[in-house]
Protein backbone atom coordinates (compact mmCIF):
# COMPACT_ATOMS: atom_id res chain seq x y z
CA UNK A 1 -0.16 -0.36 -0.04
CA UNK A 2 0.83 3.76 -0.26
CA UNK A 3 1.22 6.09 2.42
CA UNK A 4 -0.80 9.06 2.13
CA UNK A 5 0.97 12.56 1.32
CA UNK A 6 4.33 12.66 2.26
CA UNK A 7 4.49 10.46 5.02
CA UNK A 8 7.71 8.30 5.80
CA UNK A 9 7.62 4.34 5.63
CA UNK A 10 8.28 3.65 9.85
CA UNK A 11 9.80 0.60 10.62
CA UNK A 12 9.89 -0.80 14.50
CA UNK A 13 12.93 -3.03 15.56
CA UNK A 14 13.33 -4.64 18.76
CA UNK A 15 15.93 -6.60 19.68
CA UNK A 16 17.30 -8.19 22.62
CA UNK A 17 21.14 -9.51 23.39
CA UNK A 18 22.26 -11.71 26.67
CA UNK A 19 25.81 -12.69 26.72
CA UNK A 20 26.54 -11.27 23.13
CA UNK A 21 23.72 -13.79 22.11
CA UNK A 22 20.43 -12.90 20.11
CA UNK A 23 17.87 -14.58 21.83
CA UNK A 24 14.98 -12.72 20.90
CA UNK A 25 14.98 -10.89 17.52
CA UNK A 26 11.83 -9.02 15.95
CA UNK A 27 10.93 -6.91 13.14
CA UNK A 28 7.44 -5.37 12.47
CA UNK A 29 6.70 -3.21 9.59
CA UNK A 30 4.03 -0.04 10.87
CA UNK A 31 4.22 1.06 7.24
CA UNK A 32 0.80 -0.05 6.40
CA UNK A 33 -1.10 1.77 9.64
CA UNK A 34 -0.22 4.97 7.70
CA UNK A 35 -2.75 4.37 4.80
CA UNK A 36 -5.92 4.04 7.26
CA UNK A 37 -7.51 7.03 6.89
CA UNK A 38 -9.88 7.47 10.07
CA UNK A 39 -8.16 8.67 12.70
CA UNK A 40 -9.89 6.22 15.36
CA UNK A 41 -8.94 3.07 13.06
CA UNK A 42 -5.71 4.22 13.19
CA UNK A 43 -5.11 5.08 16.75
CA UNK A 44 -6.77 1.87 17.37
CA UNK A 45 -4.10 0.16 15.76
CA UNK A 46 -1.20 1.61 16.61
CA UNK A 47 -2.23 0.73 20.52
CA UNK A 48 -2.32 -2.21 19.28
CA UNK A 49 1.47 -1.82 18.28
CA UNK A 50 2.45 -0.23 21.65
CA UNK A 51 0.81 -3.14 23.37
CA UNK A 52 2.51 -5.72 21.51
CA UNK A 53 5.84 -3.91 22.25
CA UNK A 54 5.47 -4.37 26.02
CA UNK A 55 4.44 -7.89 25.85
CA UNK A 56 7.31 -8.72 23.64
CA UNK A 57 9.51 -6.81 26.12
CA UNK A 58 8.33 -8.69 29.24
CA UNK A 59 8.91 -12.04 27.44
CA UNK A 60 12.67 -10.99 27.00
CA UNK A 61 12.65 -9.77 30.59
CA UNK A 62 11.42 -13.52 31.59
CA UNK A 63 14.23 -15.12 28.89
CA UNK A 64 17.18 -12.95 30.50
CA UNK A 65 17.07 -15.07 34.02
CA UNK A 66 18.01 -18.81 33.54
CA UNK A 67 15.26 -20.71 32.98
CA UNK A 68 14.73 -23.52 35.30
CA UNK A 69 12.20 -25.59 32.76
CA UNK A 70 9.68 -25.05 30.04
CA UNK A 71 7.03 -23.76 32.37
CA UNK A 72 8.97 -20.71 33.87
CA UNK A 73 7.73 -18.21 30.73
CA UNK A 74 4.32 -19.41 31.24
CA UNK A 75 4.61 -18.70 35.01
CA UNK A 76 6.09 -15.11 34.13
CA UNK A 77 3.15 -14.43 31.84
CA UNK A 78 0.46 -15.50 34.09
CA UNK A 79 2.19 -13.65 37.30
CA UNK A 80 2.24 -10.60 35.72
CA UNK A 81 -1.41 -10.99 33.58
CA UNK A 82 0.13 -11.15 30.30
CA UNK A 83 -1.67 -14.25 29.67
CA UNK A 84 -4.89 -13.23 30.42
CA UNK A 85 -4.51 -9.45 28.43
CA UNK A 86 -4.01 -11.71 25.40
CA UNK A 87 -6.61 -13.60 25.90
CA UNK A 88 -9.01 -10.75 26.56
CA UNK A 89 -7.83 -9.06 23.26
CA UNK A 90 -8.35 -12.33 21.21
CA UNK A 91 -11.93 -12.83 23.06
CA UNK A 92 -12.51 -9.14 22.26
CA UNK A 93 -12.03 -9.32 18.89
CA UNK A 94 -13.60 -12.83 18.37
CA UNK A 95 -16.89 -11.83 20.15
CA UNK A 96 -17.26 -8.23 17.68
CA UNK A 97 -16.51 -10.72 14.53
CA UNK A 98 -19.20 -12.64 15.80
CA UNK A 99 -21.41 -9.66 16.49
CA UNK A 100 -20.79 -8.39 13.09
CA UNK A 101 -21.29 -11.60 11.16
CA UNK A 102 -24.80 -11.79 13.07
CA UNK A 103 -25.29 -8.64 12.13
CA UNK A 104 -24.93 -8.66 8.95
CA UNK A 105 -27.07 -12.09 8.25
CA UNK A 106 -30.29 -9.58 10.09
CA UNK A 107 -30.19 -7.55 6.66
CA UNK A 108 -30.18 -10.67 4.51
CA UNK A 109 -33.16 -9.82 1.66
CA UNK A 110 -32.57 -6.10 2.03
CA UNK A 111 -32.67 -4.98 -1.72
CA UNK A 112 -29.78 -3.39 -3.60
CA UNK A 113 -29.84 0.33 -4.22
CA UNK A 114 -27.03 1.83 -5.90
CA UNK A 115 -25.45 4.79 -3.61
CA UNK A 116 -27.46 2.95 -0.79
CA UNK A 117 -26.47 3.09 2.88
CA UNK A 118 -29.41 2.10 4.80
CA UNK A 119 -32.01 -0.85 5.54
CA UNK A 120 -35.01 1.62 4.73
CA UNK A 121 -33.55 2.76 1.38
CA UNK A 122 -31.64 -0.36 0.39
CA UNK A 123 -27.67 -0.99 0.23
CA UNK A 124 -25.11 -0.78 -2.25
CA UNK A 125 -22.07 -3.08 -1.64
CA UNK A 126 -19.77 -0.92 0.32
CA UNK A 127 -22.72 0.98 1.53
CA UNK A 128 -23.61 -2.68 3.47
CA UNK A 129 -20.43 -3.04 4.84
CA UNK A 130 -20.16 0.54 6.09
CA UNK A 131 -23.46 0.32 7.71
CA UNK A 132 -22.32 -3.09 9.55
CA UNK A 133 -19.09 -1.94 10.58
CA UNK A 134 -20.72 1.35 12.15
CA UNK A 135 -23.64 -0.02 13.57
CA UNK A 136 -21.70 -3.12 15.22
CA UNK A 137 -18.27 -2.14 15.93
CA UNK A 138 -18.54 1.79 15.98
CA UNK A 139 -15.53 1.99 13.28
CA UNK A 140 -16.34 4.37 10.47
CA UNK A 141 -15.14 3.13 7.13
CA UNK A 142 -14.55 4.97 3.81
CA UNK A 143 -17.67 5.20 1.20
CA UNK A 144 -15.85 2.92 -1.84
CA UNK A 145 -14.64 -0.31 -1.95
CA UNK A 146 -11.41 0.32 -3.04
CA UNK A 147 -10.67 3.03 -0.42
CA UNK A 148 -12.23 0.61 2.12
CA UNK A 149 -9.37 -2.13 0.33
CA UNK A 150 -6.99 0.65 0.75
CA UNK A 151 -7.50 1.59 4.49
CA UNK A 152 -7.55 -1.67 6.16
CA UNK A 153 -4.88 -4.64 6.64
CA UNK A 154 -4.14 -6.73 3.84
CA UNK A 155 -4.29 -10.44 4.70
CA UNK A 156 -3.86 -13.78 2.71
CA UNK A 157 -6.86 -15.85 1.98
CA UNK A 158 -6.15 -18.31 3.72
CA UNK A 159 -5.90 -16.24 6.49
CA UNK A 160 -9.12 -14.97 6.20
CA UNK A 161 -11.68 -15.01 9.47
CA UNK A 162 -15.07 -14.32 10.05
CA UNK A 163 -15.63 -10.37 9.99
CA UNK A 164 -12.62 -10.03 7.08
CA UNK A 165 -13.27 -8.41 4.03
CA UNK A 166 -13.11 -9.70 0.84
CA UNK A 167 -13.10 -8.17 -2.38
CA UNK A 168 -13.79 -8.80 -5.88
CA UNK A 169 -13.03 -7.45 -9.41
CA UNK A 170 -16.83 -7.04 -10.90
CA UNK A 171 -16.33 -4.55 -13.08
CA UNK A 172 -13.17 -4.48 -15.23
CA UNK A 173 -11.42 -2.73 -12.32
CA UNK A 174 -9.75 -3.59 -9.05
CA UNK A 175 -11.42 -3.39 -5.96
CA UNK A 176 -14.96 -3.06 -7.47
CA UNK A 177 -17.02 -5.11 -5.24
CA UNK A 178 -17.05 -6.11 -1.39
CA UNK A 179 -18.41 -8.66 1.30
CA UNK A 180 -18.00 -9.64 4.67
CA UNK A 181 -16.63 -13.19 5.26
CA UNK A 182 -18.96 -15.24 7.07
CA UNK A 183 -16.85 -18.38 7.55
CA UNK A 184 -16.77 -21.66 5.38
CA UNK A 185 -15.72 -20.13 2.31
CA UNK A 186 -18.84 -17.70 2.20
CA UNK A 187 -19.75 -13.79 2.19
CA UNK A 188 -22.30 -11.94 2.58
CA UNK A 189 -22.96 -8.81 0.04
CA UNK A 190 -25.28 -6.73 -1.48
CA UNK A 191 -24.47 -7.93 -5.03
CA UNK A 192 -26.01 -5.76 -7.72
CA UNK A 193 -29.28 -3.99 -9.24
CA UNK A 194 -32.29 -6.24 -8.76
CA UNK A 195 -31.00 -8.57 -6.46
CA UNK A 196 -30.63 -8.86 -2.33
CA UNK A 197 -28.55 -8.94 0.75
CA UNK A 198 -27.49 -12.62 -0.09
CA UNK A 199 -24.81 -14.92 1.38
CA UNK A 200 -22.44 -16.69 -1.55
CA UNK A 201 -19.88 -19.39 -2.01
CA UNK A 202 -16.63 -17.98 -2.98
CA UNK A 203 -15.65 -20.89 -4.69
CA UNK A 204 -18.18 -20.48 -7.18
CA UNK A 205 -16.36 -20.16 -10.66
CA UNK A 206 -17.80 -16.52 -11.04
CA UNK A 207 -16.19 -15.32 -7.69
CA UNK A 208 -13.32 -17.55 -7.52
CA UNK A 209 -12.38 -15.85 -10.89
CA UNK A 210 -12.78 -12.20 -9.88
CA UNK A 211 -11.46 -12.64 -6.44
CA UNK A 212 -8.92 -9.39 -5.78
CA UNK A 213 -7.84 -9.90 -2.11
CA UNK A 214 -8.78 -10.08 1.32
CA UNK A 215 -8.54 -7.40 4.21
CA UNK A 216 -9.01 -7.15 7.93
CA UNK A 217 -10.39 -4.22 10.07
CA UNK A 218 -8.88 -3.53 13.33
CA UNK A 219 -11.39 -4.44 16.02
CA UNK A 220 -9.61 -4.96 19.33
CA UNK A 221 -9.41 -1.58 20.45
CA UNK A 222 -12.08 0.23 18.23
CA UNK A 223 -13.24 3.73 19.12
CA UNK A 224 -16.63 5.28 18.47
CA UNK A 225 -17.26 6.22 15.41
CA UNK A 226 -18.30 10.08 15.26
CA UNK A 227 -22.25 11.10 15.66
């Protein structure tokens, strides 16, 4: 992805050395976070980066002391509440993703409408996605499908989880259609004029041929969308 304006590529690196031996080495490229256009989304993403590094450094401190057995690390993390924190973050993300999918399913049958943003008048594909994230997760995504692709985190198709975004080339241009992944190779979307919000299989030839990529929207510490 390309950062907006003159923003530079950021790179954060953390190394811990004990007795001249490199025990831990981790490099994390934060450049893609510069493309997040919604301030609340960007803030939540940077919070997660800070939390990750704090956990990383805590683990490094644990490794600095001679380990008695393989349980030392787990005991250290448990004593400092790190395991609970990681578990809580995972549970929060999973719960929000589940809520998102359940909420989206509640709009099955709503008619397609070009430029539509709500159930009363109908949705187009990106309007449907935007409405689901705003109503369920409190995140305000960009309005157009290609903008949503640019403002979210790129993931591999094999990494798809419920609540992720899936993009397709249906108008001879990249990221011209978007839907929400619901699991088991299926996604929910508002397809086209004359159709309704429905669930479809990504493995069907039409969609498999036009698949453009997958994206993930940070949900862990989302701030409310502007009112």
